[in-house]
Amino acid sequence: MLASSPSGGRVCRSSPGVRYKYFPDVESILAAWHDRHVTRHLEYLAKVRDQAGGSAGERLEAVLTAYAQITHERPQGTELAAVVHRGEHIARAEQQLLGFVGDLIAEAARAGELRNDAEPGELASYCLHALTAAGSLTSAAAVRRLVIVTMAGLRAPH
């Protein structure tokens, strides 16, 4: 996609004629911008994972904490949010995120840190859906508690 390339940013900052040469409408421009934004978030989550060190479970918790913070800070319920959070690019981003989190869960389950009675993809979906609640929480402390509860649901039953 053009907007994912270094020149994509230049196109978005150029004249309307140039923008519409590459993008048919405003929604396409917003989708391209959001695609780049999501890519930066995924890169950030990978960096969090890599810098977290520790066990697979600790790396997962660091990533889920970062994801919850991103979700908490994201504008909710606006018309712009509704426009950019629909379409094929969102489905692709969700699949990337599910795969990323699912891989971390699988690694932690193989290490005996998390439950292994459910598929990693199912548990990744559980995590991401649970953490969407961070968008409606009013404090960083509440977001942290949400991550703790979400992680508790991943641990093997005793």
C-alpha atoms as a PDB file:
ATOM      1  CA  MET A   1       0.000   0.000   0.000  1.00  0.00           C
ATOM      2  CA  LEU A   2       1.369   3.370  -0.920  1.00  0.00           C
ATOM      3  CA  ALA A   3       0.709   4.945   2.473  1.00  0.00           C
ATOM      4  CA  SER A   4       2.870   2.300   4.109  1.00  0.00           C
ATOM      5  CA  SER A   5       5.862   3.431   2.087  1.00  0.00           C
ATOM      6  CA  PRO A   6       8.018   6.399   3.031  1.00  0.00           C
ATOM      7  CA  SER A   7       6.495   8.356   0.159  1.00  0.00           C
ATOM      8  CA  GLY A   8       2.968   7.689   1.451  1.00  0.00           C
ATOM      9  CA  GLY A   9       3.392  10.315   4.117  1.00  0.00           C
ATOM     10  CA  ARG A  10       4.487  12.835   1.513  1.00  0.00           C
ATOM     11  CA  VAL A  11       1.416  12.046  -0.595  1.00  0.00           C
ATOM     12  CA  CYS A  12      -0.878  12.675   2.368  1.00  0.00           C
ATOM     13  CA  ARG A  13       0.748  16.064   2.991  1.00  0.00           C
ATOM     14  CA  SER A  14       0.546  17.181  -0.627  1.00  0.00           C
ATOM     15  CA  SER A  15      -2.099  18.936  -2.700  1.00  0.00           C
ATOM     16  CA  PRO A  16      -5.649  17.558  -3.061  1.00  0.00           C
ATOM     17  CA  GLY A  17      -5.001  16.686  -6.716  1.00  0.00           C
ATOM     18  CA  VAL A  18      -2.035  14.514  -5.824  1.00  0.00           C
ATOM     19  CA  ARG A  19      -3.885  12.888  -2.892  1.00  0.00           C
ATOM     20  CA  TYR A  20      -6.837  11.902  -5.060  1.00  0.00           C
ATOM     21  CA  LYS A  21      -4.490  10.520  -7.705  1.00  0.00           C
ATOM     22  CA  TYR A  22      -3.485   7.854  -5.153  1.00  0.00           C
ATOM     23  CA  PHE A  23      -6.586   7.761  -2.905  1.00  0.00           C
ATOM     24  CA  PRO A  24     -10.142   7.849  -4.279  1.00  0.00           C
ATOM     25  CA  ASP A  25     -11.707   9.490  -1.219  1.00  0.00           C
ATOM     26  CA  VAL A  26     -11.126  10.814   2.287  1.00  0.00           C
ATOM     27  CA  GLU A  27     -11.975   7.445   3.869  1.00  0.00           C
ATOM     28  CA  SER A  28      -9.170   5.842   1.836  1.00  0.00           C
ATOM     29  CA  ILE A  29      -6.725   8.453   3.106  1.00  0.00           C
ATOM     30  CA  LEU A  30      -7.848   7.856   6.691  1.00  0.00           C
ATOM     31  CA  ALA A  31      -7.594   4.080   6.232  1.00  0.00           C
ATOM     32  CA  ALA A  32      -4.033   4.430   4.919  1.00  0.00           C
ATOM     33  CA  TRP A  33      -3.108   6.717   7.816  1.00  0.00           C
ATOM     34  CA  HIS A  34      -4.654   4.289  10.297  1.00  0.00           C
ATOM     35  CA  ASP A  35      -2.866   1.351   8.679  1.00  0.00           C
ATOM     36  CA  ARG A  36       0.452   3.098   9.329  1.00  0.00           C
ATOM     37  CA  HIS A  37      -0.655   3.904  12.871  1.00  0.00           C
ATOM     38  CA  VAL A  38      -1.535   0.243  13.545  1.00  0.00           C
ATOM     39  CA  THR A  39       1.793  -0.867  12.067  1.00  0.00           C
ATOM     40  CA  ARG A  40       3.596   1.423  14.514  1.00  0.00           C
ATOM     41  CA  HIS A  41       1.586  -0.078  17.387  1.00  0.00           C
ATOM     42  CA  LEU A  42       2.525  -3.614  16.336  1.00  0.00           C
ATOM     43  CA  GLU A  43       6.171  -2.580  16.082  1.00  0.00           C
ATOM     44  CA  TYR A  44       5.922  -1.025  19.542  1.00  0.00           C
ATOM     45  CA  LEU A  45       4.407  -4.223  20.985  1.00  0.00           C
ATOM     46  CA  ALA A  46       7.241  -6.260  19.437  1.00  0.00           C
ATOM     47  CA  LYS A  47       9.747  -3.872  21.009  1.00  0.00           C
ATOM     48  CA  VAL A  48       8.013  -4.241  24.401  1.00  0.00           C
ATOM     49  CA  ARG A  49       8.197  -8.032  24.045  1.00  0.00           C
ATOM     50  CA  ASP A  50      11.880  -7.931  23.128  1.00  0.00           C
ATOM     51  CA  GLN A  51      12.821  -5.543  25.937  1.00  0.00           C
ATOM     52  CA  ALA A  52      10.746  -7.262  28.631  1.00  0.00           C
ATOM     53  CA  GLY A  53      13.157 -10.127  29.132  1.00  0.00           C
ATOM     54  CA  GLY A  54      12.187 -12.713  31.706  1.00  0.00           C
ATOM     55  CA  SER A  55       9.970 -15.691  31.043  1.00  0.00           C
ATOM     56  CA  ALA A  56       7.508 -16.091  28.191  1.00  0.00           C
ATOM     57  CA  GLY A  57       4.672 -15.330  30.604  1.00  0.00           C
ATOM     58  CA  GLU A  58       6.375 -12.138  31.737  1.00  0.00           C
ATOM     59  CA  ARG A  59       6.878 -11.036  28.134  1.00  0.00           C
ATOM     60  CA  LEU A  60       3.206 -11.752  27.425  1.00  0.00           C
ATOM     61  CA  GLU A  61       2.128  -9.719  30.446  1.00  0.00           C
ATOM     62  CA  ALA A  62       4.326  -6.814  29.325  1.00  0.00           C
ATOM     63  CA  VAL A  63       2.753  -6.907  25.851  1.00  0.00           C
ATOM     64  CA  LEU A  64      -0.803  -7.146  27.236  1.00  0.00           C
ATOM     65  CA  THR A  65      -0.080  -4.225  29.564  1.00  0.00           C
ATOM     66  CA  ALA A  66       1.201  -2.122  26.647  1.00  0.00           C
ATOM     67  CA  TYR A  67      -1.810  -3.104  24.519  1.00  0.00           C
ATOM     68  CA  ALA A  68      -4.210  -2.188  27.334  1.00  0.00           C
ATOM     69  CA  GLN A  69      -2.495   1.190  27.736  1.00  0.00           C
ATOM     70  CA  ILE A  70      -2.795   1.855  23.991  1.00  0.00           C
ATOM     71  CA  THR A  71      -6.473   0.905  24.140  1.00  0.00           C
ATOM     72  CA  HIS A  72      -7.014   3.092  27.215  1.00  0.00           C
ATOM     73  CA  GLU A  73      -5.492   6.122  25.480  1.00  0.00           C
ATOM     74  CA  ARG A  74      -7.258   5.588  22.136  1.00  0.00           C
ATOM     75  CA  PRO A  75     -10.163   7.930  21.380  1.00  0.00           C
ATOM     76  CA  GLN A  76     -13.448   6.074  21.868  1.00  0.00           C
ATOM     77  CA  GLY A  77     -16.879   6.703  20.426  1.00  0.00           C
ATOM     78  CA  THR A  78     -15.918   9.440  17.972  1.00  0.00           C
ATOM     79  CA  GLU A  79     -17.005   9.609  14.360  1.00  0.00           C
ATOM     80  CA  LEU A  80     -13.361   9.462  13.291  1.00  0.00           C
ATOM     81  CA  ALA A  81     -12.792   6.326  15.372  1.00  0.00           C
ATOM     82  CA  ALA A  82     -15.812   4.708  13.737  1.00  0.00           C
ATOM     83  CA  VAL A  83     -14.490   5.525  10.256  1.00  0.00           C
ATOM     84  CA  VAL A  84     -10.948   4.236  10.777  1.00  0.00           C
ATOM     85  CA  HIS A  85     -11.935   1.110  12.726  1.00  0.00           C
ATOM     86  CA  ARG A  86     -13.743  -0.604   9.874  1.00  0.00           C
ATOM     87  CA  GLY A  87     -12.635  -2.175   6.646  1.00  0.00           C
ATOM     88  CA  GLU A  88     -10.170  -4.749   5.409  1.00  0.00           C
ATOM     89  CA  HIS A  89      -7.158  -3.083   7.002  1.00  0.00           C
ATOM     90  CA  ILE A  90      -8.715  -3.596  10.444  1.00  0.00           C
ATOM     91  CA  ALA A  91      -9.334  -7.289   9.781  1.00  0.00           C
ATOM     92  CA  ARG A  92      -5.685  -7.692   8.703  1.00  0.00           C
ATOM     93  CA  ALA A  93      -4.434  -5.821  11.755  1.00  0.00           C
ATOM     94  CA  GLU A  94      -6.605  -7.889  14.089  1.00  0.00           C
ATOM     95  CA  GLN A  95      -5.271 -11.113  12.554  1.00  0.00           C
ATOM     96  CA  GLN A  96      -1.692  -9.887  12.979  1.00  0.00           C
ATOM     97  CA  LEU A  97      -2.343  -8.953  16.587  1.00  0.00           C
ATOM     98  CA  LEU A  98      -4.101 -12.263  17.326  1.00  0.00           C
ATOM     99  CA  GLY A  99      -1.176 -14.152  15.800  1.00  0.00           C
ATOM    100  CA  PHE A 100       1.364 -12.098  17.735  1.00  0.00           C
ATOM    101  CA  VAL A 101      -0.379 -12.606  21.090  1.00  0.00           C
ATOM    102  CA  GLY A 102      -1.233 -16.222  20.253  1.00  0.00           C
ATOM    103  CA  ASP A 103       2.453 -16.990  19.619  1.00  0.00           C
ATOM    104  CA  LEU A 104       3.385 -15.525  23.011  1.00  0.00           C
ATOM    105  CA  ILE A 105       0.641 -17.565  24.691  1.00  0.00           C
ATOM    106  CA  ALA A 106       1.784 -20.766  22.938  1.00  0.00           C
ATOM    107  CA  GLU A 107       5.362 -20.160  24.070  1.00  0.00           C
ATOM    108  CA  ALA A 108       4.280 -19.584  27.678  1.00  0.00           C
ATOM    109  CA  ALA A 109       2.011 -22.655  27.595  1.00  0.00           C
ATOM    110  CA  ARG A 110       4.875 -24.835  26.298  1.00  0.00           C
ATOM    111  CA  ALA A 111       6.981 -23.542  29.191  1.00  0.00           C
ATOM    112  CA  GLY A 112       4.249 -24.617  31.634  1.00  0.00           C
ATOM    113  CA  GLU A 113       3.455 -21.042  32.675  1.00  0.00           C
ATOM    114  CA  LEU A 114      -0.066 -20.908  31.227  1.00  0.00           C
ATOM    115  CA  ARG A 115      -2.957 -23.248  30.645  1.00  0.00           C
ATOM    116  CA  ASN A 116      -2.760 -25.623  27.730  1.00  0.00           C
ATOM    117  CA  ASP A 117      -6.378 -26.821  27.652  1.00  0.00           C
ATOM    118  CA  ALA A 118      -7.394 -24.240  25.029  1.00  0.00           C
ATOM    119  CA  GLU A 119      -5.908 -23.213  21.708  1.00  0.00           C
ATOM    120  CA  PRO A 120      -3.521 -20.225  21.856  1.00  0.00           C
ATOM    121  CA  GLY A 121      -5.629 -18.406  19.254  1.00  0.00           C
ATOM    122  CA  GLU A 122      -8.736 -18.753  21.427  1.00  0.00           C
ATOM    123  CA  LEU A 123      -6.856 -17.445  24.445  1.00  0.00           C
ATOM    124  CA  ALA A 124      -5.443 -14.567  22.386  1.00  0.00           C
ATOM    125  CA  SER A 125      -8.977 -13.643  21.353  1.00  0.00           C
ATOM    126  CA  TYR A 126     -10.052 -13.784  25.007  1.00  0.00           C
ATOM    127  CA  CYS A 127      -7.200 -11.457  25.998  1.00  0.00           C
ATOM    128  CA  LEU A 128      -7.782  -8.883  23.294  1.00  0.00           C
ATOM    129  CA  HIS A 129     -11.532  -8.791  23.821  1.00  0.00           C
ATOM    130  CA  ALA A 130     -11.112  -8.511  27.590  1.00  0.00           C
ATOM    131  CA  LEU A 131      -8.617  -5.692  27.219  1.00  0.00           C
ATOM    132  CA  THR A 132     -10.907  -3.631  25.014  1.00  0.00           C
ATOM    133  CA  ALA A 133     -12.551  -2.717  28.324  1.00  0.00           C
ATOM    134  CA  ALA A 134      -9.454  -0.607  29.036  1.00  0.00           C
ATOM    135  CA  GLY A 135     -10.918   1.993  26.679  1.00  0.00           C
ATOM    136  CA  SER A 136     -13.697   2.747  29.137  1.00  0.00           C
ATOM    137  CA  LEU A 137     -11.636   2.702  32.334  1.00  0.00           C
ATOM    138  CA  THR A 138     -10.858   5.953  34.102  1.00  0.00           C
ATOM    139  CA  SER A 139      -7.398   5.315  35.534  1.00  0.00           C
ATOM    140  CA  ALA A 140      -4.088   3.638  34.860  1.00  0.00           C
ATOM    141  CA  ALA A 141      -4.555   1.641  38.076  1.00  0.00           C
ATOM    142  CA  ALA A 142      -7.840   0.232  36.751  1.00  0.00           C
ATOM    143  CA  VAL A 143      -6.109  -0.711  33.495  1.00  0.00           C
ATOM    144  CA  ARG A 144      -3.385  -2.521  35.468  1.00  0.00           C
ATOM    145  CA  ARG A 145      -6.037  -4.447  37.451  1.00  0.00           C
ATOM    146  CA  LEU A 146      -7.718  -5.440  34.187  1.00  0.00           C
ATOM    147  CA  VAL A 147      -4.435  -6.879  32.900  1.00  0.00           C
ATOM    148  CA  ILE A 148      -3.978  -8.822  36.164  1.00  0.00           C
ATOM    149  CA  VAL A 149      -7.478 -10.310  35.879  1.00  0.00           C
ATOM    150  CA  THR A 150      -6.917 -11.133  32.194  1.00  0.00           C
ATOM    151  CA  MET A 151      -3.623 -12.879  32.984  1.00  0.00           C
ATOM    152  CA  ALA A 152      -5.320 -14.830  35.792  1.00  0.00           C
ATOM    153  CA  GLY A 153      -7.683 -16.278  33.206  1.00  0.00           C
ATOM    154  CA  LEU A 154      -4.701 -17.648  31.290  1.00  0.00           C
ATOM    155  CA  ARG A 155      -3.184 -19.536  34.191  1.00  0.00           C
ATOM    156  CA  ALA A 156      -3.785 -23.248  34.515  1.00  0.00           C
ATOM    157  CA  PRO A 157      -6.616 -24.220  36.856  1.00  0.00           C
ATOM    158  CA  HIS A 158      -5.407 -25.848  40.081  1.00  0.00           C
END
